Amino acid sequence: MQLDTTSVVIAQRSIDEILDLSLVVARTYLPKIVLFAILGIAPFFAINLVLLYPITDYDRLSMASTYHATNGGYQARYLWTQVCLVYLQAPLAMCGVTYFLGQAVFIEQPTIRQVFGVLVSRATALTWVLGLLRGGLLAIAFACIIFVSPYSNTDVEQTVYLTLCVILVFMVRGFRPFAPEILLLERCPLFTSKKANANELSYGRRTSWLHAGSGDLFSVQIVITIISVAFVLLACLGILYVCGVVFGIRNWGFWMDLIFFPLVLWLMATWSAIIRFLLYLNTRIRTEGWEVELKLKAEQQRMLANARLMEGTSS
């Protein structure tokens, strides 16, 4: 790995340049990104489909309701629940994409076995931070509760609790978004042991250090959220238009609820993972002078390689 030979030029960029670059990265590595995205998304997509299917029976739900509720209200509840689940699960599902991008920057092409080997080795840290603290697996617990009692009188409370969880995670991600990169690319341990290297930082110290000088990350999060909402709406309207022209189906039916709407959400989640990775690079460049660090480390590698070569020649 040549640290000063990268597929993405290591330079500080503005948010609009990062958005443009994210599309270029997606186009360049499209097959591998799609592959690792599908492998990460498939389990969550299947679980969400099974667990949320009972609350798509809008007619029965509205008739069983003890208060005035329409089919449209229950449909909105399902769509919002799907949005919340995908938002909470996305960082965990995109771990493979994140690690691949981290290697692809240095013109490395890791195999599926290599990527999953790293994910397995970091499973405990990923489960604790992304699954529990940031709600990726707690979202499934919410969906299980809905599945167990889809016709109960607690549907409003369930939706409120899930929304509050999303708001809390949104605030945490807004100020500290780079947890997947720190865990997978820098491989910081959750806790440092007494035998650890003095230069090794724990996850908590590293995330505090990296995000300390990035006061505008929350505003960037707001911009990306607005773009995400616009993308989802335009994509869904585009699907409806194509179905209307090709098949003559212009109504939002069950096929949109169960298949296309979640797919659009996951597509946006994949794009967001690429944007977050590029923001991570940009933050390290701005706060740590990462481009200078890479050049120095690359020169150190060359000097060590030359020293070994000279030792081998002399012997």
Foldseek 3Di string as FASTA:
>chain_A
DQLLDFPDPQDADDLVVLLVVLVVVCVVCVVQLVVLLCVLCVVVLVLLLVLLVVLLPLVVLCVLAPDHDHSVRSLVLLLVLLLLLCLLQLLVSCLLVLLQVLQNRNVDGDDPVVSVVLCVVLVVVCCPVSVPVSPNVVSSVLSNVCSVCVNDNCSVVSSVVSVVSSVVSLVVCQQQVCLSCCCRVVVQACDDDPPDDPPGDHSVVVSCLLRVPPPCSNVSSVVLVVVLVVQLVVQLCVVLVVCCVPVVRNDCDVCCSSPVSSVSSSVSSSSVSSSVSVVSSNSCCVRPVVSVVSVVVSVVVVVVVVVVVVVVVVD
